[in-house]
């Protein structure tokens, strides 16, 4: 009997944690921080969960957020690389300022500017995004349209593969066993799919 009770509470706790993670993922924002190293300006894309900076990885189609504070503690406990620790401390410091700035009361939620981000506020690929993803300039790319196409064409055969460029996708889907040429998946549709598969990409 005690084993069943333990299993029940374990499942309940797991469900609550999933809800918390899902809620946190919905609040994630992509921002960019920069700093000087000698004559060079370094830039790095990070995520904000509220005013907490960190990194995020895609797991099963959802973003899994890890704060820089947690990552720093993990590296310290395992006596990890000093170089990586120094970078995380820098990103944490810069990220705290940027995340607070973006969430300041009275200011609108940040939306990617066409010249600064890969997507606009509606999920359309910007000129910068097209260059980053290899999408020809004559085609548009939209995350929502790409998701619908991916779910109707691709999802039944393999897991989602993120960060593929337009040329790499065109080459891959032309091979066995798919044999999807332009008559089966147009360049316009492929641009949308490319947008969807790169939706978490900052640079």
N, C-alpha and C. Protein backbone atom coordinates (compact mmCIF):
# COMPACT_ATOMS: atom_id res chain seq x y z
N UNK A 1 0.82 -1.21 0.00
CA UNK A 1 0.00 0.00 0.00
C UNK A 1 0.86 1.26 0.00
N UNK A 2 1.92 1.25 0.82
CA UNK A 2 2.79 2.42 0.90
C UNK A 2 3.47 2.67 -0.44
N UNK A 3 3.77 1.58 -1.17
CA UNK A 3 4.39 1.74 -2.48
C UNK A 3 3.47 2.45 -3.46
N UNK A 4 2.17 2.14 -3.41
CA UNK A 4 1.20 2.80 -4.29
C UNK A 4 1.06 4.28 -3.94
N UNK A 5 1.05 4.56 -2.64
CA UNK A 5 0.96 5.97 -2.19
C UNK A 5 2.17 6.75 -2.68
N UNK A 6 3.35 6.14 -2.54
CA UNK A 6 4.56 6.81 -3.00
C UNK A 6 4.52 7.06 -4.50
N UNK A 7 4.04 6.06 -5.26
CA UNK A 7 3.95 6.22 -6.71
C UNK A 7 2.98 7.33 -7.08
N UNK A 8 1.87 7.41 -6.35
CA UNK A 8 0.88 8.46 -6.62
C UNK A 8 1.46 9.85 -6.40
N UNK A 9 2.15 10.01 -5.25
CA UNK A 9 2.74 11.32 -4.96
C UNK A 9 3.86 11.65 -5.93
N UNK A 10 4.62 10.64 -6.35
CA UNK A 10 5.69 10.88 -7.32
C UNK A 10 5.13 11.38 -8.64
N UNK A 11 4.04 10.76 -9.11
CA UNK A 11 3.42 11.18 -10.36
C UNK A 11 2.83 12.57 -10.23
N UNK A 12 2.25 12.86 -9.05
CA UNK A 12 1.67 14.19 -8.83
C UNK A 12 2.74 15.27 -8.87
N UNK A 13 3.86 15.02 -8.19
CA UNK A 13 4.96 15.98 -8.17
C UNK A 13 5.52 16.18 -9.56
N UNK A 14 5.69 15.07 -10.31
CA UNK A 14 6.20 15.15 -11.67
C UNK A 14 5.28 15.99 -12.56
N UNK A 15 3.97 15.81 -12.40
CA UNK A 15 3.00 16.57 -13.20
C UNK A 15 3.08 18.06 -12.88
N UNK A 16 3.23 18.37 -11.60
CA UNK A 16 3.34 19.78 -11.19
C UNK A 16 4.60 20.40 -11.78
N UNK A 17 5.70 19.65 -11.73
CA UNK A 17 6.95 20.16 -12.29
C UNK A 17 6.82 20.42 -13.78
N UNK A 18 6.13 19.52 -14.49
CA UNK A 18 5.93 19.72 -15.92
C UNK A 18 5.14 20.98 -16.19
N UNK A 19 4.11 21.22 -15.37
CA UNK A 19 3.31 22.44 -15.55
C UNK A 19 4.15 23.68 -15.30
N UNK A 20 4.98 23.62 -14.26
CA UNK A 20 5.85 24.77 -13.95
C UNK A 20 6.81 25.03 -15.09
N UNK A 21 7.43 23.95 -15.61
CA UNK A 21 8.39 24.11 -16.72
C UNK A 21 7.70 24.65 -17.96
N UNK A 22 6.48 24.16 -18.24
CA UNK A 22 5.75 24.64 -19.41
C UNK A 22 5.42 26.11 -19.27
N UNK A 23 4.99 26.51 -18.07
CA UNK A 23 4.67 27.92 -17.84
C UNK A 23 5.90 28.79 -18.00
N UNK A 24 7.04 28.29 -17.47
CA UNK A 24 8.27 29.07 -17.58
C UNK A 24 8.70 29.22 -19.02
N UNK A 25 8.55 28.12 -19.80
CA UNK A 25 8.97 28.16 -21.21
C UNK A 25 8.17 29.18 -22.00
N UNK A 26 6.87 29.36 -21.62
CA UNK A 26 6.04 30.32 -22.34
C UNK A 26 6.50 31.74 -22.11
N UNK A 27 7.18 31.99 -20.94
CA UNK A 27 7.61 33.34 -20.59
C UNK A 27 9.02 33.66 -21.08
N UNK A 28 9.66 32.72 -21.75
CA UNK A 28 11.03 32.94 -22.19
C UNK A 28 11.10 33.99 -23.28
N UNK A 29 12.12 34.83 -23.19
CA UNK A 29 12.39 35.83 -24.22
C UNK A 29 13.84 35.70 -24.66
N UNK A 30 14.06 35.90 -25.95
CA UNK A 30 15.41 35.88 -26.48
C UNK A 30 15.97 37.31 -26.46
N UNK A 31 17.17 37.47 -25.93
CA UNK A 31 17.83 38.77 -25.93
C UNK A 31 19.29 38.55 -26.33
N UNK A 32 19.98 39.64 -26.56
CA UNK A 32 21.39 39.56 -26.93
C UNK A 32 22.21 40.45 -26.01
N UNK A 33 23.33 39.93 -25.56
CA UNK A 33 24.26 40.72 -24.75
C UNK A 33 25.58 40.83 -25.51
N UNK A 34 26.31 41.88 -25.21
CA UNK A 34 27.60 42.08 -25.89
C UNK A 34 28.61 42.65 -24.89
N UNK A 35 29.88 42.42 -25.18
CA UNK A 35 30.94 42.94 -24.33
C UNK A 35 32.22 43.04 -25.15
N UNK A 36 33.16 43.80 -24.64
CA UNK A 36 34.44 44.02 -25.33
C UNK A 36 35.49 43.07 -24.81
N UNK A 37 36.23 42.51 -25.74
CA UNK A 37 37.43 41.73 -25.41
C UNK A 37 38.55 42.24 -26.30
N UNK A 38 39.35 43.11 -25.73
CA UNK A 38 40.38 43.77 -26.52
C UNK A 38 39.73 44.70 -27.52
N UNK A 39 40.09 44.54 -28.80
CA UNK A 39 39.51 45.37 -29.85
C UNK A 39 38.24 44.78 -30.42
N UNK A 40 37.89 43.58 -29.99
CA UNK A 40 36.73 42.89 -30.55
C UNK A 40 35.50 43.04 -29.65
N UNK A 41 34.34 43.08 -30.29
CA UNK A 41 33.07 43.07 -29.57
C UNK A 41 32.47 41.68 -29.69
N UNK A 42 32.26 41.06 -28.56
CA UNK A 42 31.66 39.72 -28.53
C UNK A 42 30.16 39.86 -28.31
N UNK A 43 29.39 38.99 -28.98
CA UNK A 43 27.94 38.99 -28.82
C UNK A 43 27.48 37.56 -28.53
N UNK A 44 26.45 37.46 -27.71
CA UNK A 44 25.91 36.15 -27.39
C UNK A 44 24.41 36.25 -27.15
N UNK A 45 23.67 35.33 -27.74
CA UNK A 45 22.24 35.27 -27.51
C UNK A 45 21.94 34.47 -26.25
N UNK A 46 21.09 35.01 -25.39
CA UNK A 46 20.69 34.32 -24.17
C UNK A 46 19.17 34.36 -24.04
N UNK A 47 18.65 33.72 -23.02
CA UNK A 47 17.21 33.75 -22.75
C UNK A 47 16.94 34.37 -21.39
N UNK A 48 15.78 35.02 -21.28
CA UNK A 48 15.33 35.57 -20.01
C UNK A 48 14.05 34.85 -19.60
N UNK A 49 14.02 34.38 -18.37
CA UNK A 49 12.78 33.89 -17.77
C UNK A 49 12.41 34.89 -16.69
N UNK A 50 11.52 35.82 -17.03
CA UNK A 50 11.29 36.97 -16.15
C UNK A 50 12.53 37.84 -16.17
N UNK A 51 13.16 38.02 -15.00
CA UNK A 51 14.40 38.81 -14.94
C UNK A 51 15.61 37.90 -14.73
N UNK A 52 15.40 36.60 -14.90
CA UNK A 52 16.49 35.64 -14.69
C UNK A 52 17.10 35.23 -16.01
N UNK A 53 18.41 35.46 -16.19
CA UNK A 53 19.07 35.09 -17.44
C UNK A 53 19.52 33.63 -17.42
N UNK A 54 19.58 33.04 -18.60
CA UNK A 54 20.06 31.67 -18.68
C UNK A 54 20.12 31.19 -20.11
N UNK A 55 20.21 29.89 -20.28
CA UNK A 55 20.25 29.27 -21.60
C UNK A 55 19.05 28.35 -21.73
N UNK A 56 18.75 27.95 -22.96
CA UNK A 56 17.61 27.06 -23.18
C UNK A 56 17.94 26.08 -24.29
N UNK A 57 17.55 24.85 -24.08
CA UNK A 57 17.73 23.80 -25.08
C UNK A 57 16.36 23.22 -25.43
N UNK A 58 16.22 22.84 -26.69
CA UNK A 58 14.96 22.25 -27.12
C UNK A 58 14.94 20.77 -26.77
N UNK A 59 13.90 20.36 -26.06
CA UNK A 59 13.70 18.95 -25.73
C UNK A 59 12.26 18.59 -26.07
N UNK A 60 12.10 17.68 -27.01
CA UNK A 60 10.77 17.25 -27.44
C UNK A 60 9.89 18.41 -27.87
N UNK A 61 10.49 19.36 -28.60
CA UNK A 61 9.72 20.47 -29.15
C UNK A 61 9.48 21.60 -28.19
N UNK A 62 9.99 21.51 -26.96
CA UNK A 62 9.81 22.58 -25.98
C UNK A 62 11.17 23.05 -25.48
N UNK A 63 11.21 24.31 -25.03
CA UNK A 63 12.46 24.85 -24.53
C UNK A 63 12.63 24.51 -23.05
N UNK A 64 13.79 23.97 -22.71
CA UNK A 64 14.12 23.65 -21.33
C UNK A 64 15.11 24.71 -20.84
N UNK A 65 14.67 25.55 -19.91
CA UNK A 65 15.47 26.69 -19.45
C UNK A 65 16.35 26.31 -18.26
N UNK A 66 17.61 26.76 -18.31
CA UNK A 66 18.54 26.61 -17.18
C UNK A 66 19.14 27.97 -16.87
N UNK A 67 18.96 28.43 -15.66
CA UNK A 67 19.51 29.74 -15.30
C UNK A 67 21.04 29.65 -15.24
N UNK A 68 21.69 30.79 -15.51
CA UNK A 68 23.15 30.81 -15.42
C UNK A 68 23.62 30.56 -13.99
N UNK A 69 22.82 31.00 -13.01
CA UNK A 69 23.17 30.78 -11.61
C UNK A 69 23.27 29.29 -11.31
N UNK A 70 22.29 28.52 -11.81
CA UNK A 70 22.30 27.05 -11.61
C UNK A 70 23.47 26.41 -12.33
N UNK A 71 23.74 26.88 -13.55
CA UNK A 71 24.86 26.34 -14.33
C UNK A 71 26.19 26.61 -13.65
N UNK A 72 26.32 27.81 -13.07
CA UNK A 72 27.56 28.18 -12.36
C UNK A 72 27.76 27.27 -11.15
N UNK A 73 26.68 27.04 -10.38
CA UNK A 73 26.78 26.16 -9.21
C UNK A 73 27.16 24.74 -9.62
N UNK A 74 26.60 24.29 -10.75
CA UNK A 74 26.89 22.93 -11.22
C UNK A 74 28.36 22.78 -11.60
N UNK A 75 28.89 23.79 -12.30
CA UNK A 75 30.30 23.73 -12.71
C UNK A 75 31.21 23.79 -11.49
N UNK A 76 30.87 24.63 -10.51
CA UNK A 76 31.68 24.73 -9.30
C UNK A 76 31.70 23.41 -8.54
N UNK A 77 30.53 22.76 -8.45
CA UNK A 77 30.45 21.50 -7.71
C UNK A 77 31.22 20.38 -8.38
N UNK A 78 31.33 20.46 -9.71
CA UNK A 78 32.05 19.42 -10.45
C UNK A 78 33.48 19.84 -10.79
N UNK A 79 33.86 21.02 -10.31
CA UNK A 79 35.19 21.56 -10.60
C UNK A 79 35.46 21.58 -12.11
N UNK A 80 34.53 22.22 -12.82
CA UNK A 80 34.62 22.26 -14.27
C UNK A 80 35.59 23.31 -14.78
N UNK A 81 35.55 23.54 -16.08
CA UNK A 81 36.47 24.45 -16.76
C UNK A 81 36.39 25.87 -16.21
N UNK A 82 37.54 26.45 -15.90
CA UNK A 82 37.58 27.83 -15.41
C UNK A 82 37.15 28.81 -16.49
N UNK A 83 37.50 28.48 -17.75
CA UNK A 83 37.11 29.35 -18.86
C UNK A 83 35.60 29.40 -19.03
N UNK A 84 34.96 28.24 -18.96
CA UNK A 84 33.50 28.19 -19.08
C UNK A 84 32.83 28.88 -17.90
N UNK A 85 33.41 28.72 -16.72
CA UNK A 85 32.86 29.35 -15.51
C UNK A 85 32.93 30.87 -15.64
N UNK A 86 34.06 31.37 -16.14
CA UNK A 86 34.22 32.82 -16.30
C UNK A 86 33.21 33.36 -17.32
N UNK A 87 33.00 32.61 -18.41
CA UNK A 87 32.03 33.05 -19.42
C UNK A 87 30.62 33.08 -18.85
N UNK A 88 30.25 32.05 -18.09
CA UNK A 88 28.91 32.00 -17.51
C UNK A 88 28.70 33.15 -16.52
N UNK A 89 29.72 33.46 -15.74
CA UNK A 89 29.61 34.58 -14.79
C UNK A 89 29.42 35.90 -15.53
N UNK A 90 30.13 36.07 -16.64
CA UNK A 90 29.98 37.29 -17.44
C UNK A 90 28.58 37.37 -18.03
N UNK A 91 28.11 36.25 -18.62
CA UNK A 91 26.78 36.23 -19.21
C UNK A 91 25.69 36.45 -18.15
N UNK A 92 25.91 35.91 -16.96
CA UNK A 92 24.94 36.10 -15.88
C UNK A 92 24.85 37.56 -15.47
N UNK A 93 26.01 38.21 -15.35
CA UNK A 93 26.04 39.62 -14.97
C UNK A 93 25.40 40.51 -16.04
N UNK A 94 25.81 40.31 -17.29
CA UNK A 94 25.24 41.09 -18.39
C UNK A 94 23.76 40.77 -18.59
N UNK A 95 23.44 39.49 -18.45
CA UNK A 95 22.06 39.05 -18.67
C UNK A 95 21.10 39.61 -17.65
N UNK A 96 21.53 39.72 -16.39
CA UNK A 96 20.65 40.28 -15.36
C UNK A 96 20.23 41.70 -15.72
N UNK A 97 21.20 42.49 -16.19
CA UNK A 97 20.88 43.88 -16.57
C UNK A 97 19.94 43.90 -17.77
N UNK A 98 20.23 43.05 -18.78
CA UNK A 98 19.41 43.06 -19.99
C UNK A 98 18.01 42.55 -19.71
N UNK A 99 17.88 41.49 -18.91
CA UNK A 99 16.56 40.94 -18.60
C UNK A 99 15.73 41.92 -17.79
N UNK A 100 16.36 42.63 -16.85
CA UNK A 100 15.63 43.65 -16.08
C UNK A 100 15.20 44.79 -16.98
N UNK A 101 16.08 45.18 -17.88
CA UNK A 101 15.78 46.28 -18.80
C UNK A 101 14.58 45.94 -19.67
N UNK A 102 14.55 44.70 -20.19
CA UNK A 102 13.48 44.29 -21.10
C UNK A 102 12.14 44.09 -20.39
N UNK A 103 12.19 43.88 -19.05
CA UNK A 103 10.95 43.64 -18.32
C UNK A 103 10.57 44.82 -17.43
N UNK A 104 11.19 45.98 -17.67
CA UNK A 104 10.91 47.16 -16.84
C UNK A 104 9.45 47.57 -16.98
N UNK A 105 8.79 47.95 -15.85
CA UNK A 105 7.38 48.36 -15.91
C UNK A 105 7.17 49.55 -16.84
N UNK A 106 6.08 49.52 -17.56
CA UNK A 106 5.75 50.64 -18.43
C UNK A 106 6.37 50.56 -19.80
N UNK A 107 7.20 49.56 -20.04
CA UNK A 107 7.80 49.42 -21.37
C UNK A 107 7.14 48.26 -22.08
N UNK A 108 6.93 48.35 -23.39
CA UNK A 108 6.29 47.26 -24.12
C UNK A 108 7.18 46.04 -24.17
N UNK A 109 6.58 44.88 -24.34
CA UNK A 109 7.36 43.65 -24.49
C UNK A 109 8.26 43.77 -25.70
N UNK A 110 9.51 43.34 -25.57
CA UNK A 110 10.44 43.49 -26.68
C UNK A 110 10.04 42.63 -27.87
N UNK A 111 10.13 43.20 -29.05
CA UNK A 111 9.90 42.45 -30.28
C UNK A 111 11.12 42.60 -31.16
N UNK A 112 11.54 41.55 -31.81
CA UNK A 112 12.75 41.62 -32.62
C UNK A 112 12.62 42.63 -33.75
N UNK A 113 13.58 43.51 -33.85
CA UNK A 113 13.60 44.45 -34.96
C UNK A 113 14.11 43.72 -36.20
N UNK A 114 13.60 44.10 -37.39
CA UNK A 114 14.00 43.39 -38.61
C UNK A 114 15.50 43.35 -38.83
N UNK A 115 16.23 44.39 -38.37
CA UNK A 115 17.66 44.42 -38.62
C UNK A 115 18.45 43.76 -37.50
N UNK A 116 17.77 43.37 -36.39
CA UNK A 116 18.51 42.84 -35.25
C UNK A 116 18.21 41.38 -34.94
N UNK A 117 17.08 40.86 -35.46
CA UNK A 117 16.72 39.49 -35.14
C UNK A 117 16.42 38.69 -36.39
N UNK A 118 16.28 37.38 -36.19
CA UNK A 118 15.97 36.49 -37.31
C UNK A 118 14.49 36.45 -37.64
N UNK A 119 13.64 36.89 -36.68
CA UNK A 119 12.19 36.87 -36.87
C UNK A 119 11.57 38.18 -36.40
N UNK A 120 10.45 38.55 -37.03
CA UNK A 120 9.72 39.70 -36.53
C UNK A 120 8.70 39.22 -35.49
N UNK A 121 7.86 40.13 -35.01
CA UNK A 121 6.92 39.80 -33.94
C UNK A 121 5.87 38.79 -34.36
N UNK A 122 5.70 38.56 -35.66
CA UNK A 122 4.68 37.65 -36.16
C UNK A 122 5.26 36.31 -36.62
N UNK A 123 6.55 36.09 -36.36
CA UNK A 123 7.17 34.83 -36.74
C UNK A 123 7.64 34.77 -38.17
N UNK A 124 7.67 35.92 -38.85
CA UNK A 124 8.19 35.97 -40.21
C UNK A 124 9.71 36.11 -40.19
N UNK A 125 10.38 35.41 -41.09
CA UNK A 125 11.84 35.50 -41.16
C UNK A 125 12.24 36.86 -41.72
N UNK A 126 13.14 37.53 -41.04
CA UNK A 126 13.64 38.82 -41.49
C UNK A 126 14.75 38.62 -42.53
N UNK A 127 15.24 39.72 -43.06
CA UNK A 127 16.35 39.65 -44.03
C UNK A 127 17.57 39.00 -43.38
N UNK A 128 17.82 39.35 -42.12
CA UNK A 128 18.94 38.75 -41.40
C UNK A 128 18.73 37.24 -41.25
N UNK A 129 17.49 36.85 -40.92
CA UNK A 129 17.18 35.43 -40.78
C UNK A 129 17.35 34.67 -42.07
N UNK A 130 16.90 35.27 -43.18
CA UNK A 130 17.05 34.61 -44.48
C UNK A 130 18.52 34.35 -44.79
N UNK A 131 19.36 35.33 -44.48
CA UNK A 131 20.80 35.16 -44.71
C UNK A 131 21.36 34.06 -43.81
N UNK A 132 20.91 34.03 -42.55
CA UNK A 132 21.42 33.04 -41.60
C UNK A 132 20.96 31.63 -41.94
N UNK A 133 19.72 31.50 -42.44
CA UNK A 133 19.15 30.18 -42.70
C UNK A 133 19.32 29.74 -44.16
N UNK A 134 19.87 30.61 -45.01
CA UNK A 134 20.07 30.27 -46.41
C UNK A 134 18.80 30.29 -47.23
N UNK A 135 17.77 31.03 -46.78
CA UNK A 135 16.52 31.12 -47.52
C UNK A 135 16.67 32.18 -48.62
N UNK A 136 16.41 31.84 -49.87
CA UNK A 136 16.51 32.85 -50.94
C UNK A 136 15.60 34.04 -50.64
N UNK A 137 16.06 35.23 -50.99
CA UNK A 137 15.35 36.46 -50.62
C UNK A 137 13.97 36.56 -51.25
N UNK A 138 13.71 35.84 -52.34
CA UNK A 138 12.41 35.95 -53.01
C UNK A 138 11.31 35.17 -52.29
N UNK A 139 11.70 34.33 -51.29
CA UNK A 139 10.71 33.54 -50.56
C UNK A 139 10.53 34.08 -49.15
N UNK A 140 9.29 33.96 -48.67
CA UNK A 140 9.00 34.32 -47.28
C UNK A 140 9.08 33.05 -46.44
N UNK A 141 9.33 33.25 -45.16
CA UNK A 141 9.34 32.12 -44.24
C UNK A 141 8.57 32.49 -42.98
N UNK A 142 7.65 31.65 -42.55
CA UNK A 142 6.85 31.93 -41.37
C UNK A 142 6.81 30.71 -40.47
N UNK A 143 7.01 30.93 -39.17
CA UNK A 143 7.10 29.82 -38.22
C UNK A 143 5.79 29.04 -38.12
N UNK A 144 4.66 29.74 -38.02
CA UNK A 144 3.36 29.06 -37.86
C UNK A 144 3.02 28.22 -39.09
N UNK A 145 3.24 28.80 -40.28
CA UNK A 145 2.96 28.05 -41.50
C UNK A 145 3.92 26.85 -41.62
N UNK A 146 5.16 27.06 -41.21
CA UNK A 146 6.13 25.98 -41.25
C UNK A 146 5.78 24.85 -40.30
N UNK A 147 5.24 25.21 -39.13
CA UNK A 147 4.83 24.18 -38.16
C UNK A 147 3.72 23.31 -38.73
N UNK A 148 2.73 23.95 -39.35
CA UNK A 148 1.62 23.21 -39.94
C UNK A 148 2.11 22.26 -41.04
N UNK A 149 3.03 22.75 -41.87
CA UNK A 149 3.58 21.91 -42.94
C UNK A 149 4.39 20.75 -42.37
N UNK A 150 5.21 21.06 -41.38
CA UNK A 150 6.05 20.02 -40.78
C UNK A 150 5.20 18.92 -40.16
N UNK A 151 4.13 19.33 -39.46
CA UNK A 151 3.27 18.34 -38.81
C UNK A 151 2.49 17.50 -39.82
N UNK A 152 2.19 18.07 -40.97
CA UNK A 152 1.43 17.30 -41.97
C UNK A 152 2.32 16.44 -42.86
N UNK A 153 3.58 16.84 -43.04
CA UNK A 153 4.45 16.12 -43.97
C UNK A 153 5.52 15.29 -43.28
N UNK A 154 6.15 15.85 -42.25
CA UNK A 154 7.40 15.28 -41.75
C UNK A 154 7.29 14.50 -40.45
N UNK A 155 6.38 14.91 -39.57
CA UNK A 155 6.43 14.44 -38.18
C UNK A 155 6.17 12.95 -38.04
N UNK A 156 5.51 12.34 -39.01
CA UNK A 156 5.19 10.92 -38.89
C UNK A 156 6.37 10.00 -39.10
N UNK A 157 7.46 10.51 -39.65
CA UNK A 157 8.57 9.63 -40.04
C UNK A 157 9.81 9.75 -39.16
N UNK A 158 10.06 10.90 -38.59
CA UNK A 158 11.28 11.06 -37.79
C UNK A 158 11.12 12.19 -36.79
N UNK A 159 12.02 12.24 -35.83
CA UNK A 159 11.98 13.29 -34.82
C UNK A 159 12.39 14.62 -35.45
N UNK A 160 12.01 15.69 -34.78
CA UNK A 160 12.31 17.02 -35.29
C UNK A 160 13.80 17.30 -35.25
N UNK A 161 14.33 17.83 -36.34
CA UNK A 161 15.75 18.15 -36.43
C UNK A 161 15.89 19.65 -36.62
N UNK A 162 16.39 20.32 -35.61
CA UNK A 162 16.40 21.78 -35.63
C UNK A 162 17.68 22.32 -36.29
N UNK A 163 17.59 23.62 -36.62
CA UNK A 163 18.74 24.39 -37.14
C UNK A 163 19.27 23.90 -38.48
N UNK A 164 18.37 23.42 -39.34
CA UNK A 164 18.77 23.05 -40.70
C UNK A 164 18.61 24.25 -41.62
N UNK A 165 19.58 24.45 -42.49
CA UNK A 165 19.48 25.54 -43.46
C UNK A 165 18.60 25.11 -44.63
N UNK A 166 18.14 26.09 -45.38
CA UNK A 166 17.30 25.82 -46.56
C UNK A 166 18.01 24.91 -47.56
N UNK A 167 19.27 25.21 -47.96
CA UNK A 167 19.96 24.33 -48.92
C UNK A 167 20.17 22.91 -48.38
N UNK A 168 20.49 22.80 -47.08
CA UNK A 168 20.72 21.47 -46.50
C UNK A 168 19.43 20.66 -46.49
N UNK A 169 18.31 21.32 -46.18
CA UNK A 169 17.02 20.63 -46.20
C UNK A 169 16.65 20.17 -47.61
N UNK A 170 16.84 21.07 -48.58
CA UNK A 170 16.50 20.72 -49.97
C UNK A 170 17.31 19.51 -50.42
N UNK A 171 18.57 19.47 -50.05
CA UNK A 171 19.43 18.35 -50.44
C UNK A 171 19.01 17.08 -49.71
N UNK A 172 18.70 17.19 -48.41
CA UNK A 172 18.38 16.01 -47.61
C UNK A 172 17.07 15.36 -48.04
N UNK A 173 16.05 16.17 -48.29
CA UNK A 173 14.74 15.60 -48.61
C UNK A 173 14.67 15.06 -50.04
N UNK A 174 15.66 15.39 -50.84
CA UNK A 174 15.70 14.84 -52.20
C UNK A 174 16.24 13.42 -52.23
N UNK A 175 16.82 13.00 -51.09
CA UNK A 175 17.43 11.68 -51.02
C UNK A 175 16.41 10.62 -50.61
N UNK A 176 16.82 9.37 -50.72
CA UNK A 176 16.00 8.24 -50.26
C UNK A 176 15.88 8.31 -48.73
N UNK A 177 14.74 8.01 -48.14
CA UNK A 177 13.54 7.45 -48.77
C UNK A 177 12.49 8.49 -49.14
N UNK A 178 12.81 9.79 -48.97
CA UNK A 178 11.78 10.81 -49.18
C UNK A 178 11.56 11.15 -50.65
N UNK A 179 12.64 11.49 -51.35
CA UNK A 179 12.58 11.88 -52.75
C UNK A 179 11.61 13.05 -52.96
N UNK A 180 11.70 14.07 -52.07
CA UNK A 180 10.84 15.25 -52.19
C UNK A 180 11.56 16.31 -53.03
N UNK A 181 11.18 16.42 -54.29
CA UNK A 181 11.74 17.48 -55.12
C UNK A 181 10.81 18.70 -55.07
N UNK A 182 11.08 19.71 -55.88
CA UNK A 182 10.31 20.95 -55.83
C UNK A 182 8.85 20.76 -56.25
N UNK A 183 8.57 19.68 -57.00
CA UNK A 183 7.19 19.43 -57.40
C UNK A 183 6.36 18.89 -56.23
N UNK A 184 7.04 18.32 -55.23
CA UNK A 184 6.33 17.75 -54.08
C UNK A 184 6.36 18.69 -52.87
N UNK A 185 7.48 19.35 -52.65
CA UNK A 185 7.58 20.40 -51.62
C UNK A 185 8.19 21.62 -52.29
N UNK A 186 7.37 22.63 -52.48
CA UNK A 186 7.84 23.83 -53.19
C UNK A 186 8.87 24.58 -52.36
N UNK A 187 9.62 25.45 -53.02
CA UNK A 187 10.59 26.27 -52.31
C UNK A 187 9.90 27.18 -51.30
N UNK A 188 8.70 27.64 -51.62
CA UNK A 188 7.95 28.48 -50.70
C UNK A 188 7.60 27.72 -49.42
N UNK A 189 7.12 26.48 -49.58
CA UNK A 189 6.81 25.65 -48.42
C UNK A 189 8.07 25.30 -47.64
N UNK A 190 9.15 25.03 -48.37
CA UNK A 190 10.40 24.67 -47.70
C UNK A 190 10.94 25.85 -46.89
N UNK A 191 10.72 27.07 -47.38
CA UNK A 191 11.14 28.26 -46.63
C UNK A 191 10.40 28.35 -45.31
N UNK A 192 9.11 28.02 -45.32
CA UNK A 192 8.33 28.02 -44.08
C UNK A 192 8.80 26.93 -43.12
N UNK A 193 9.09 25.76 -43.66
CA UNK A 193 9.59 24.67 -42.81
C UNK A 193 10.95 25.04 -42.22
N UNK A 194 11.79 25.67 -43.02
CA UNK A 194 13.09 26.12 -42.53
C UNK A 194 12.92 27.11 -41.39
N UNK A 195 11.96 28.03 -41.53
CA UNK A 195 11.68 28.99 -40.47
C UNK A 195 11.31 28.27 -39.18
N UNK A 196 10.43 27.28 -39.29
CA UNK A 196 9.98 26.54 -38.10
C UNK A 196 11.14 25.81 -37.43
N UNK A 197 11.99 25.17 -38.21
CA UNK A 197 13.08 24.39 -37.64
C UNK A 197 14.19 25.28 -37.07
N UNK A 198 14.17 26.56 -37.38
CA UNK A 198 15.17 27.49 -36.86
C UNK A 198 14.56 28.50 -35.88
N UNK A 199 13.34 28.18 -35.37
CA UNK A 199 12.60 29.16 -34.57
C UNK A 199 13.29 29.55 -33.27
N UNK A 200 14.20 28.70 -32.76
CA UNK A 200 14.90 29.01 -31.52
C UNK A 200 16.29 29.62 -31.77
N UNK A 201 16.63 29.78 -33.02
CA UNK A 201 17.98 30.24 -33.34
C UNK A 201 18.08 31.75 -33.24
N UNK A 202 19.06 32.22 -32.50
CA UNK A 202 19.21 33.66 -32.27
C UNK A 202 20.17 34.28 -33.27
N UNK A 203 21.23 33.59 -33.62
CA UNK A 203 22.22 34.18 -34.54
C UNK A 203 22.62 33.17 -35.59
